[in-house]
C-alpha atoms as a PDB file:
ATOM      1  CA  MET A   1       0.000   0.000   0.000  1.00  0.00           C
ATOM      2  CA  ALA A   2       1.413   3.394  -0.992  1.00  0.00           C
ATOM      3  CA  GLU A   3       1.970   5.968   1.704  1.00  0.00           C
ATOM      4  CA  PRO A   4       0.415   9.414   1.254  1.00  0.00           C
ATOM      5  CA  ASP A   5       2.722  12.253   0.259  1.00  0.00           C
ATOM      6  CA  PRO A   6       3.757  13.944   3.552  1.00  0.00           C
ATOM      7  CA  SER A   7       4.592  17.293   1.927  1.00  0.00           C
ATOM      8  CA  PRO A   8       1.669  19.574   1.089  1.00  0.00           C
ATOM      9  CA  ARG A   9       1.253  20.648  -2.517  1.00  0.00           C
ATOM     10  CA  LYS A  10       2.361  24.183  -3.226  1.00  0.00           C
ATOM     11  CA  MET A  11       0.344  24.678  -6.417  1.00  0.00           C
ATOM     12  CA  ILE A  12      -2.189  22.828  -8.453  1.00  0.00           C
ATOM     13  CA  THR A  13      -0.990  21.373 -11.716  1.00  0.00           C
ATOM     14  CA  GLU A  14      -1.875  22.734 -15.147  1.00  0.00           C
ATOM     15  CA  ARG A  15      -3.998  19.637 -15.739  1.00  0.00           C
ATOM     16  CA  GLN A  16      -5.968  20.238 -12.535  1.00  0.00           C
ATOM     17  CA  TYR A  17      -6.453  23.884 -13.543  1.00  0.00           C
ATOM     18  CA  ARG A  18      -7.768  22.932 -16.993  1.00  0.00           C
ATOM     19  CA  ARG A  19     -10.100  20.333 -15.480  1.00  0.00           C
ATOM     20  CA  LEU A  20     -11.305  22.846 -12.864  1.00  0.00           C
ATOM     21  CA  MET A  21     -12.055  25.556 -15.416  1.00  0.00           C
ATOM     22  CA  SER A  22     -13.727  23.118 -17.789  1.00  0.00           C
ATOM     23  CA  ALA A  23     -16.008  21.780 -15.062  1.00  0.00           C
ATOM     24  CA  TYR A  24     -16.763  25.284 -13.781  1.00  0.00           C
ATOM     25  CA  GLU A  25     -17.749  26.514 -17.261  1.00  0.00           C
ATOM     26  CA  LYS A  26     -20.148  23.570 -17.618  1.00  0.00           C
ATOM     27  CA  THR A  27     -21.742  23.701 -14.155  1.00  0.00           C
ATOM     28  CA  GLY A  28     -21.018  27.110 -12.606  1.00  0.00           C
ATOM     29  CA  ASN A  29     -20.554  25.308  -9.282  1.00  0.00           C
ATOM     30  CA  ILE A  30     -17.241  25.878  -7.500  1.00  0.00           C
ATOM     31  CA  VAL A  31     -17.508  22.997  -5.033  1.00  0.00           C
ATOM     32  CA  GLY A  32     -18.491  20.408  -7.634  1.00  0.00           C
ATOM     33  CA  SER A  33     -15.816  21.636 -10.009  1.00  0.00           C
ATOM     34  CA  ALA A  34     -13.217  21.463  -7.240  1.00  0.00           C
ATOM     35  CA  LEU A  35     -14.154  17.865  -6.482  1.00  0.00           C
ATOM     36  CA  ARG A  36     -13.811  16.893 -10.135  1.00  0.00           C
ATOM     37  CA  ALA A  37     -10.401  18.566 -10.358  1.00  0.00           C
ATOM     38  CA  ASP A  38      -9.261  17.086  -7.008  1.00  0.00           C
ATOM     39  CA  VAL A  39      -8.508  20.451  -5.384  1.00  0.00           C
ATOM     40  CA  HIS A  40      -9.815  22.142  -2.255  1.00  0.00           C
ATOM     41  CA  PRO A  41     -12.821  24.430  -2.843  1.00  0.00           C
ATOM     42  CA  GLN A  42     -10.962  27.460  -1.433  1.00  0.00           C
ATOM     43  CA  THR A  43      -8.105  26.832  -3.856  1.00  0.00           C
ATOM     44  CA  ALA A  44     -10.593  26.448  -6.699  1.00  0.00           C
ATOM     45  CA  ARG A  45     -12.233  29.744  -5.767  1.00  0.00           C
ATOM     46  CA  LYS A  46      -8.840  31.476  -5.791  1.00  0.00           C
ATOM     47  CA  TYR A  47      -8.023  30.346  -9.324  1.00  0.00           C
ATOM     48  CA  ILE A  48     -11.544  30.909 -10.670  1.00  0.00           C
ATOM     49  CA  GLU A  49     -11.672  34.456  -9.309  1.00  0.00           C
ATOM     50  CA  ALA A  50      -8.172  35.224 -10.603  1.00  0.00           C
ATOM     51  CA  GLY A  51      -8.958  33.787 -14.023  1.00  0.00           C
ATOM     52  CA  LYS A  52      -5.291  32.902 -14.461  1.00  0.00           C
ATOM     53  CA  PRO A  53      -3.450  29.586 -14.382  1.00  0.00           C
ATOM     54  CA  PRO A  54      -1.097  28.857 -11.487  1.00  0.00           C
ATOM     55  CA  CYS A  55       2.029  29.674 -13.489  1.00  0.00           C
ATOM     56  CA  GLU A  56       0.816  33.270 -14.035  1.00  0.00           C
ATOM     57  CA  LEU A  57       0.041  34.069 -10.401  1.00  0.00           C
ATOM     58  CA  PRO A  58       2.692  35.739  -8.226  1.00  0.00           C
ATOM     59  CA  ALA A  59       5.236  33.385  -6.688  1.00  0.00           C
ATOM     60  CA  PRO A  60       5.477  33.156  -2.898  1.00  0.00           C
ATOM     61  CA  ARG A  61       8.176  35.284  -1.321  1.00  0.00           C
ATOM     62  CA  THR A  62      11.547  33.706  -0.748  1.00  0.00           C
ATOM     63  CA  TRP A  63      12.937  36.276   1.650  1.00  0.00           C
ATOM     64  CA  ARG A  64      12.560  36.590   5.377  1.00  0.00           C
ATOM     65  CA  THR A  65       9.958  38.990   6.682  1.00  0.00           C
ATOM     66  CA  ARG A  66      11.659  39.410  10.067  1.00  0.00           C
ATOM     67  CA  PRO A  67      15.073  38.629  11.515  1.00  0.00           C
ATOM     68  CA  ASP A  68      15.642  35.411  13.420  1.00  0.00           C
ATOM     69  CA  PRO A  69      15.147  35.833  17.171  1.00  0.00           C
END
């Protein structure tokens, strides 16, 4: 039996994005579309509202926001 991936996903894949948008255009339902694309509904809402694929959204910051204590 395969173990689940312990690291959380940072971004959805292009395939998941295409599947999400396709399902959303057909149904207009965010939750149902998210289930079909295998993403969390909040993540689906983020990409649907942005109207951009994951590769076009701003990357997370790589610098520190405060010094180490």
